[in-house]
C-alpha cells in the first residue's frame, strides 16, 4: 500500500507523510510491517466483537458451516481449531450472510461483510492504515471457493502420512515378528549390545522381572553409533 503525500505517516507520529518521513527517504519495510501487523490485530479484534454484536453469537457456527461446505455431519469445535488461521480472516473480511430457510435467521443484514459494515457505521474510529486494510482485503478478485480448494488440497496433503519405499521402489510394510525363545535371560545377554544409549544394567532396571529377579520382558532400543541423535546425547 503506497502512502500518499497528505496521508498520515506510517511511523504513527500523527503528522502527514510529507511533513515527516517523505523528506527522509523511504520508511523501512520492517517498520511498515510492524505497523501493519499491529493495525491488523487491533482491527481484527474490533471486527470480531462488532460481528457478534450485529449478527449474534450464532453467526460463527453459521459461517463455519459455509466455510466447510456444509458437511453432512455438521461442524465442530475441532474444525474451528484446525482451520482458524484461514477461517477467522475470511469470516470478518469476506463472509456475507445469506438467509437459510432451514435455519433460524441471524440479526445482521445480508450481502455485506462484517468489515464493510463496520466501515460504514464505525468508520470514524478507523485510522488511515486500518481503513486501507479493509479496502484492500474485502472482496478480493479470487473467490473464496478458489482459495478454499487450494487450502484444503494443501491441508489434506499434509495430513496424509508419507508413503515409504525400499530401494527397489516397492512400498514398505511394517510387521511385528514374534519368536519363541527358551531363555529370556540368554536372549537379553545377546541382544543388549544393540543399544548404545542404555547400558545393560539400565535396561535390566527398566525390565519386568519375575519373583526370582529374572527377566520376563524387556525393551531394547535398536540404536547405532554415528547416528546424530545418539551422538548428541
C-alpha atoms as a PDB file:
ATOM      1  CA  UNK A   1       0.000   0.000   0.000  1.00  0.00           C
ATOM      2  CA  UNK A   2       1.517   3.298  -1.126  1.00  0.00           C
ATOM      3  CA  UNK A   3       1.281   6.203   1.286  1.00  0.00           C
ATOM      4  CA  UNK A   4       0.068   9.482  -0.240  1.00  0.00           C
ATOM      5  CA  UNK A   5       1.860  12.760   0.495  1.00  0.00           C
ATOM      6  CA  UNK A   6      -1.029  14.129   2.546  1.00  0.00           C
ATOM      7  CA  UNK A   7      -1.931  10.896   4.308  1.00  0.00           C
ATOM      8  CA  UNK A   8      -0.929  10.104   7.900  1.00  0.00           C
ATOM      9  CA  UNK A   9       2.672   8.919   8.111  1.00  0.00           C
ATOM     10  CA  UNK A  10       3.114   5.146   8.689  1.00  0.00           C
ATOM     11  CA  UNK A  11       5.524   5.911  11.530  1.00  0.00           C
ATOM     12  CA  UNK A  12       2.450   6.767  13.690  1.00  0.00           C
ATOM     13  CA  UNK A  13       3.770  10.224  14.567  1.00  0.00           C
ATOM     14  CA  UNK A  14       0.368  11.726  13.803  1.00  0.00           C
ATOM     15  CA  UNK A  15       1.865  14.026  11.173  1.00  0.00           C
ATOM     16  CA  UNK A  16       1.339  13.940   7.419  1.00  0.00           C
ATOM     17  CA  UNK A  17       3.713  11.796   5.411  1.00  0.00           C
ATOM     18  CA  UNK A  18       5.166  14.792   3.553  1.00  0.00           C
ATOM     19  CA  UNK A  19       5.901  16.531   6.876  1.00  0.00           C
ATOM     20  CA  UNK A  20       7.521  13.540   8.486  1.00  0.00           C
ATOM     21  CA  UNK A  21       9.204  10.658   6.639  1.00  0.00           C
ATOM     22  CA  UNK A  22       8.841  11.573   2.959  1.00  0.00           C
ATOM     23  CA  UNK A  23      11.759  14.001   3.092  1.00  0.00           C
ATOM     24  CA  UNK A  24      13.879  11.437   4.967  1.00  0.00           C
ATOM     25  CA  UNK A  25      13.502   8.829   2.273  1.00  0.00           C
ATOM     26  CA  UNK A  26      11.607   5.553   2.217  1.00  0.00           C
ATOM     27  CA  UNK A  27      10.174   4.273   5.506  1.00  0.00           C
ATOM     28  CA  UNK A  28      11.827   0.979   6.456  1.00  0.00           C
ATOM     29  CA  UNK A  29       9.962  -2.169   5.459  1.00  0.00           C
ATOM     30  CA  UNK A  30      10.407  -3.554   8.999  1.00  0.00           C
ATOM     31  CA  UNK A  31       8.629  -0.554  10.471  1.00  0.00           C
ATOM     32  CA  UNK A  32       5.810  -0.734   7.934  1.00  0.00           C
ATOM     33  CA  UNK A  33       5.390  -4.470   8.541  1.00  0.00           C
ATOM     34  CA  UNK A  34       5.238  -3.955  12.300  1.00  0.00           C
ATOM     35  CA  UNK A  35       2.725  -1.105  11.993  1.00  0.00           C
ATOM     36  CA  UNK A  36       0.616  -3.131   9.592  1.00  0.00           C
ATOM     37  CA  UNK A  37       0.624  -6.152  11.923  1.00  0.00           C
ATOM     38  CA  UNK A  38      -0.369  -4.025  14.914  1.00  0.00           C
ATOM     39  CA  UNK A  39      -3.157  -2.348  12.943  1.00  0.00           C
ATOM     40  CA  UNK A  40      -4.450  -5.705  11.660  1.00  0.00           C
ATOM     41  CA  UNK A  41      -4.538  -7.219  15.156  1.00  0.00           C
ATOM     42  CA  UNK A  42      -6.432  -4.229  16.576  1.00  0.00           C
ATOM     43  CA  UNK A  43      -8.844  -4.251  13.666  1.00  0.00           C
ATOM     44  CA  UNK A  44      -9.484  -7.998  13.766  1.00  0.00           C
ATOM     45  CA  UNK A  45     -10.350  -7.806  17.478  1.00  0.00           C
ATOM     46  CA  UNK A  46     -12.769  -4.914  16.872  1.00  0.00           C
ATOM     47  CA  UNK A  47     -14.367  -6.617  13.868  1.00  0.00           C
ATOM     48  CA  UNK A  48     -14.950  -9.857  15.749  1.00  0.00           C
ATOM     49  CA  UNK A  49     -16.739  -8.052  18.581  1.00  0.00           C
ATOM     50  CA  UNK A  50     -18.733  -5.970  16.121  1.00  0.00           C
ATOM     51  CA  UNK A  51     -19.680  -9.043  14.070  1.00  0.00           C
ATOM     52  CA  UNK A  52     -21.089 -10.828  17.116  1.00  0.00           C
ATOM     53  CA  UNK A  53     -22.942  -7.656  18.132  1.00  0.00           C
ATOM     54  CA  UNK A  54     -24.564  -7.227  14.716  1.00  0.00           C
ATOM     55  CA  UNK A  55     -25.194 -10.848  13.721  1.00  0.00           C
ATOM     56  CA  UNK A  56     -25.383 -12.633  17.078  1.00  0.00           C
ATOM     57  CA  UNK A  57     -23.301 -15.411  18.622  1.00  0.00           C
ATOM     58  CA  UNK A  58     -24.723 -17.982  16.166  1.00  0.00           C
ATOM     59  CA  UNK A  59     -23.001 -16.229  13.266  1.00  0.00           C
ATOM     60  CA  UNK A  60     -19.742 -18.085  13.888  1.00  0.00           C
ATOM     61  CA  UNK A  61     -21.332 -21.520  13.516  1.00  0.00           C
ATOM     62  CA  UNK A  62     -23.395 -20.331  10.567  1.00  0.00           C
ATOM     63  CA  UNK A  63     -20.278 -19.111   8.767  1.00  0.00           C
ATOM     64  CA  UNK A  64     -18.226 -22.186   9.726  1.00  0.00           C
ATOM     65  CA  UNK A  65     -20.799 -24.442   8.064  1.00  0.00           C
ATOM     66  CA  UNK A  66     -20.399 -22.474   4.842  1.00  0.00           C
ATOM     67  CA  UNK A  67     -16.608 -22.448   5.164  1.00  0.00           C
ATOM     68  CA  UNK A  68     -16.578 -26.253   5.472  1.00  0.00           C
ATOM     69  CA  UNK A  69     -19.052 -26.542   2.544  1.00  0.00           C
ATOM     70  CA  UNK A  70     -21.954 -27.729   4.726  1.00  0.00           C
ATOM     71  CA  UNK A  71     -20.704 -31.235   5.699  1.00  0.00           C
ATOM     72  CA  UNK A  72     -23.390 -33.866   6.298  1.00  0.00           C
ATOM     73  CA  UNK A  73     -22.321 -34.414   9.884  1.00  0.00           C
ATOM     74  CA  UNK A  74     -22.166 -30.696  10.694  1.00  0.00           C
ATOM     75  CA  UNK A  75     -19.143 -28.856  12.042  1.00  0.00           C
ATOM     76  CA  UNK A  76     -17.412 -28.972  15.399  1.00  0.00           C
ATOM     77  CA  UNK A  77     -15.042 -27.056  17.658  1.00  0.00           C
ATOM     78  CA  UNK A  78     -12.276 -29.252  16.253  1.00  0.00           C
ATOM     79  CA  UNK A  79     -12.973 -27.917  12.746  1.00  0.00           C
ATOM     80  CA  UNK A  80     -12.717 -24.377  14.077  1.00  0.00           C
ATOM     81  CA  UNK A  81      -9.432 -25.120  15.852  1.00  0.00           C
ATOM     82  CA  UNK A  82      -7.927 -26.815  12.787  1.00  0.00           C
ATOM     83  CA  UNK A  83      -8.797 -24.065  10.313  1.00  0.00           C
ATOM     84  CA  UNK A  84      -8.872 -20.854  12.342  1.00  0.00           C
ATOM     85  CA  UNK A  85      -5.850 -19.226  10.597  1.00  0.00           C
ATOM     86  CA  UNK A  86      -7.868 -19.056   7.358  1.00  0.00           C
ATOM     87  CA  UNK A  87     -11.402 -19.099   8.737  1.00  0.00           C
ATOM     88  CA  UNK A  88     -11.272 -16.041  11.005  1.00  0.00           C
ATOM     89  CA  UNK A  89      -9.887 -13.621   8.367  1.00  0.00           C
ATOM     90  CA  UNK A  90     -12.464 -14.910   5.898  1.00  0.00           C
ATOM     91  CA  UNK A  91     -15.214 -14.572   8.485  1.00  0.00           C
ATOM     92  CA  UNK A  92     -14.594 -10.882   9.193  1.00  0.00           C
ATOM     93  CA  UNK A  93     -13.422  -9.711   5.756  1.00  0.00           C
ATOM     94  CA  UNK A  94     -15.224 -11.904   3.193  1.00  0.00           C
ATOM     95  CA  UNK A  95     -18.202 -13.756   4.653  1.00  0.00           C
ATOM     96  CA  UNK A  96     -21.577 -12.413   3.533  1.00  0.00           C
ATOM     97  CA  UNK A  97     -24.675 -13.537   5.392  1.00  0.00           C
ATOM     98  CA  UNK A  98     -27.423 -15.155   3.333  1.00  0.00           C
ATOM     99  CA  UNK A  99     -30.606 -16.405   4.972  1.00  0.00           C
ATOM    100  CA  UNK A 100     -31.226 -20.138   5.041  1.00  0.00           C
ATOM    101  CA  UNK A 101     -34.912 -21.198   5.140  1.00  0.00           C
ATOM    102  CA  UNK A 102     -33.950 -24.265   7.175  1.00  0.00           C
ATOM    103  CA  UNK A 103     -32.201 -22.270   9.935  1.00  0.00           C
ATOM    104  CA  UNK A 104     -33.247 -19.507  12.347  1.00  0.00           C
ATOM    105  CA  UNK A 105     -32.355 -16.106  10.845  1.00  0.00           C
ATOM    106  CA  UNK A 106     -29.425 -14.064  12.119  1.00  0.00           C
ATOM    107  CA  UNK A 107     -29.761 -10.455  13.213  1.00  0.00           C
ATOM    108  CA  UNK A 108     -27.470  -8.755  10.696  1.00  0.00           C
ATOM    109  CA  UNK A 109     -28.071  -7.633   7.110  1.00  0.00           C
ATOM    110  CA  UNK A 110     -27.423  -9.735   4.027  1.00  0.00           C
ATOM    111  CA  UNK A 111     -24.938  -9.231   1.175  1.00  0.00           C
ATOM    112  CA  UNK A 112     -22.312  -7.293   3.121  1.00  0.00           C
ATOM    113  CA  UNK A 113     -19.203  -8.273   5.011  1.00  0.00           C
ATOM    114  CA  UNK A 114     -18.562  -7.549   8.673  1.00  0.00           C
ATOM    115  CA  UNK A 115     -15.623  -5.337   7.686  1.00  0.00           C
ATOM    116  CA  UNK A 116     -17.681  -3.320   5.196  1.00  0.00           C
ATOM    117  CA  UNK A 117     -20.499  -2.918   7.693  1.00  0.00           C
ATOM    118  CA  UNK A 118     -18.036  -1.728  10.325  1.00  0.00           C
ATOM    119  CA  UNK A 119     -16.520   0.790   7.901  1.00  0.00           C
ATOM    120  CA  UNK A 120     -19.976   2.255   7.227  1.00  0.00           C
ATOM    121  CA  UNK A 121     -21.107   2.559  10.841  1.00  0.00           C
ATOM    122  CA  UNK A 122     -17.791   2.881  12.698  1.00  0.00           C
ATOM    123  CA  UNK A 123     -15.590   4.406  10.024  1.00  0.00           C
ATOM    124  CA  UNK A 124     -14.820   7.442  12.168  1.00  0.00           C
ATOM    125  CA  UNK A 125     -12.990   5.096  14.574  1.00  0.00           C
ATOM    126  CA  UNK A 126     -10.629   3.787  11.899  1.00  0.00           C
ATOM    127  CA  UNK A 127      -7.199   5.261  11.421  1.00  0.00           C
ATOM    128  CA  UNK A 128      -5.781   5.558   7.918  1.00  0.00           C
ATOM    129  CA  UNK A 129      -3.969   2.202   7.968  1.00  0.00           C
ATOM    130  CA  UNK A 130      -6.986   0.311   9.323  1.00  0.00           C
ATOM    131  CA  UNK A 131      -9.196   1.807   6.612  1.00  0.00           C
ATOM    132  CA  UNK A 132      -6.672   0.731   3.982  1.00  0.00           C
ATOM    133  CA  UNK A 133      -6.679  -2.824   5.340  1.00  0.00           C
ATOM    134  CA  UNK A 134     -10.459  -3.088   4.963  1.00  0.00           C
ATOM    135  CA  UNK A 135     -10.369  -1.557   1.495  1.00  0.00           C
ATOM    136  CA  UNK A 136      -7.564  -3.876   0.344  1.00  0.00           C
ATOM    137  CA  UNK A 137      -8.850  -7.077   1.953  1.00  0.00           C
ATOM    138  CA  UNK A 138     -12.608  -7.131   1.387  1.00  0.00           C
ATOM    139  CA  UNK A 139     -13.979  -8.755  -1.758  1.00  0.00           C
ATOM    140  CA  UNK A 140     -10.764  -9.869  -3.377  1.00  0.00           C
ATOM    141  CA  UNK A 141     -10.909 -10.933  -7.068  1.00  0.00           C
ATOM    142  CA  UNK A 142     -10.116 -14.557  -6.180  1.00  0.00           C
ATOM    143  CA  UNK A 143     -13.301 -16.158  -4.942  1.00  0.00           C
ATOM    144  CA  UNK A 144     -13.414 -17.849  -1.568  1.00  0.00           C
ATOM    145  CA  UNK A 145     -14.054 -21.185  -3.218  1.00  0.00           C
ATOM    146  CA  UNK A 146     -10.893 -20.914  -5.350  1.00  0.00           C
ATOM    147  CA  UNK A 147      -8.821 -20.183  -2.251  1.00  0.00           C
ATOM    148  CA  UNK A 148     -10.653 -22.797  -0.199  1.00  0.00           C
ATOM    149  CA  UNK A 149      -9.999 -25.504  -2.812  1.00  0.00           C
ATOM    150  CA  UNK A 150      -6.270 -24.769  -2.741  1.00  0.00           C
ATOM    151  CA  UNK A 151      -6.217 -24.504   1.061  1.00  0.00           C
ATOM    152  CA  UNK A 152      -7.908 -27.853   1.662  1.00  0.00           C
ATOM    153  CA  UNK A 153      -5.776 -29.523  -1.020  1.00  0.00           C
ATOM    154  CA  UNK A 154      -2.681 -28.457   0.916  1.00  0.00           C
ATOM    155  CA  UNK A 155      -4.278 -29.263   4.300  1.00  0.00           C
ATOM    156  CA  UNK A 156      -5.294 -32.816   3.420  1.00  0.00           C
ATOM    157  CA  UNK A 157      -1.957 -33.441   1.684  1.00  0.00           C
ATOM    158  CA  UNK A 158      -0.171 -32.515   4.904  1.00  0.00           C
ATOM    159  CA  UNK A 159      -2.476 -34.759   6.920  1.00  0.00           C
ATOM    160  CA  UNK A 160      -1.610 -37.824   4.807  1.00  0.00           C
ATOM    161  CA  UNK A 161       1.375 -39.829   6.094  1.00  0.00           C
ATOM    162  CA  UNK A 162       4.233 -40.203   3.594  1.00  0.00           C
ATOM    163  CA  UNK A 163       4.418 -43.413   1.581  1.00  0.00           C
ATOM    164  CA  UNK A 164       7.733 -45.140   2.245  1.00  0.00           C
ATOM    165  CA  UNK A 165       9.523 -47.324  -0.323  1.00  0.00           C
ATOM    166  CA  UNK A 166      12.574 -49.541  -0.322  1.00  0.00           C
ATOM    167  CA  UNK A 167      15.498 -49.084  -2.718  1.00  0.00           C
ATOM    168  CA  UNK A 168      13.640 -51.089  -5.388  1.00  0.00           C
ATOM    169  CA  UNK A 169      10.682 -48.707  -5.210  1.00  0.00           C
ATOM    170  CA  UNK A 170       8.340 -51.188  -3.510  1.00  0.00           C
ATOM    171  CA  UNK A 171       6.080 -49.854  -0.706  1.00  0.00           C
ATOM    172  CA  UNK A 172       7.327 -50.663   2.774  1.00  0.00           C
ATOM    173  CA  UNK A 173       5.088 -52.725   5.023  1.00  0.00           C
ATOM    174  CA  UNK A 174       5.665 -52.788   8.761  1.00  0.00           C
ATOM    175  CA  UNK A 175       5.408 -56.109  10.557  1.00  0.00           C
ATOM    176  CA  UNK A 176       5.701 -57.355  14.099  1.00  0.00           C
ATOM    177  CA  UNK A 177       7.680 -60.586  14.324  1.00  0.00           C
ATOM    178  CA  UNK A 178       7.372 -62.945  17.279  1.00  0.00           C
ATOM    179  CA  UNK A 179       9.991 -65.554  18.234  1.00  0.00           C
ATOM    180  CA  UNK A 180       9.708 -68.446  20.652  1.00  0.00           C
ATOM    181  CA  UNK A 181      12.759 -68.483  22.939  1.00  0.00           C
ATOM    182  CA  UNK A 182      13.785 -70.820  25.731  1.00  0.00           C
ATOM    183  CA  UNK A 183      15.549 -68.243  27.919  1.00  0.00           C
ATOM    184  CA  UNK A 184      14.724 -64.523  28.083  1.00  0.00           C
ATOM    185  CA  UNK A 185      17.920 -64.039  30.082  1.00  0.00           C
ATOM    186  CA  UNK A 186      20.047 -65.581  27.349  1.00  0.00           C
ATOM    187  CA  UNK A 187      18.291 -63.549  24.658  1.00  0.00           C
ATOM    188  CA  UNK A 188      18.836 -60.376  26.684  1.00  0.00           C
ATOM    189  CA  UNK A 189      22.555 -61.049  27.042  1.00  0.00           C
ATOM    190  CA  UNK A 190      22.882 -61.500  23.289  1.00  0.00           C
ATOM    191  CA  UNK A 191      20.726 -58.529  22.237  1.00  0.00           C
ATOM    192  CA  UNK A 192      21.602 -55.828  24.781  1.00  0.00           C
ATOM    193  CA  UNK A 193      24.554 -54.728  22.627  1.00  0.00           C
ATOM    194  CA  UNK A 194      22.064 -53.371  20.078  1.00  0.00           C
ATOM    195  CA  UNK A 195      21.539 -50.355  22.340  1.00  0.00           C
ATOM    196  CA  UNK A 196      24.284 -47.740  22.515  1.00  0.00           C
ATOM    197  CA  UNK A 197      22.086 -45.397  24.541  1.00  0.00           C
ATOM    198  CA  UNK A 198      21.445 -47.538  27.621  1.00  0.00           C
ATOM    199  CA  UNK A 199      23.775 -49.928  29.369  1.00  0.00           C
ATOM    200  CA  UNK A 200      22.786 -53.493  30.154  1.00  0.00           C
ATOM    201  CA  UNK A 201      22.290 -52.514  33.797  1.00  0.00           C
ATOM    202  CA  UNK A 202      19.949 -49.666  32.845  1.00  0.00           C
ATOM    203  CA  UNK A 203      17.947 -51.905  30.515  1.00  0.00           C
ATOM    204  CA  UNK A 204      17.590 -54.514  33.261  1.00  0.00           C
ATOM    205  CA  UNK A 205      16.409 -51.906  35.771  1.00  0.00           C
ATOM    206  CA  UNK A 206      13.563 -50.946  33.399  1.00  0.00           C
ATOM    207  CA  UNK A 207      12.638 -54.589  32.622  1.00  0.00           C
ATOM    208  CA  UNK A 208       9.806 -56.690  34.055  1.00  0.00           C
ATOM    209  CA  UNK A 209      11.234 -59.342  36.381  1.00  0.00           C
ATOM    210  CA  UNK A 210       9.792 -62.439  37.977  1.00  0.00           C
ATOM    211  CA  UNK A 211       9.923 -63.175  41.702  1.00  0.00           C
ATOM    212  CA  UNK A 212      13.435 -64.578  41.408  1.00  0.00           C
ATOM    213  CA  UNK A 213      14.672 -61.435  39.627  1.00  0.00           C
ATOM    214  CA  UNK A 214      14.936 -62.965  36.173  1.00  0.00           C
ATOM    215  CA  UNK A 215      13.775 -61.081  33.091  1.00  0.00           C
ATOM    216  CA  UNK A 216      10.345 -61.852  31.663  1.00  0.00           C
ATOM    217  CA  UNK A 217      10.014 -58.756  29.470  1.00  0.00           C
ATOM    218  CA  UNK A 218      12.439 -56.026  28.383  1.00  0.00           C
ATOM    219  CA  UNK A 219      12.534 -53.289  25.738  1.00  0.00           C
ATOM    220  CA  UNK A 220      15.874 -52.915  23.942  1.00  0.00           C
ATOM    221  CA  UNK A 221      16.108 -49.831  21.683  1.00  0.00           C
ATOM    222  CA  UNK A 222      17.984 -50.685  18.495  1.00  0.00           C
ATOM    223  CA  UNK A 223      20.391 -47.768  18.083  1.00  0.00           C
ATOM    224  CA  UNK A 224      23.789 -47.428  16.478  1.00  0.00           C
ATOM    225  CA  UNK A 225      26.940 -45.401  16.810  1.00  0.00           C
ATOM    226  CA  UNK A 226      27.316 -42.452  14.465  1.00  0.00           C
ATOM    227  CA  UNK A 227      23.594 -41.582  14.412  1.00  0.00           C
ATOM    228  CA  UNK A 228      23.241 -37.833  15.011  1.00  0.00           C
ATOM    229  CA  UNK A 229      20.526 -38.241  17.629  1.00  0.00           C
ATOM    230  CA  UNK A 230      22.656 -40.661  19.624  1.00  0.00           C
ATOM    231  CA  UNK A 231      25.838 -38.623  19.244  1.00  0.00           C
ATOM    232  CA  UNK A 232      24.109 -35.582  20.780  1.00  0.00           C
ATOM    233  CA  UNK A 233      23.094 -37.473  23.904  1.00  0.00           C
END
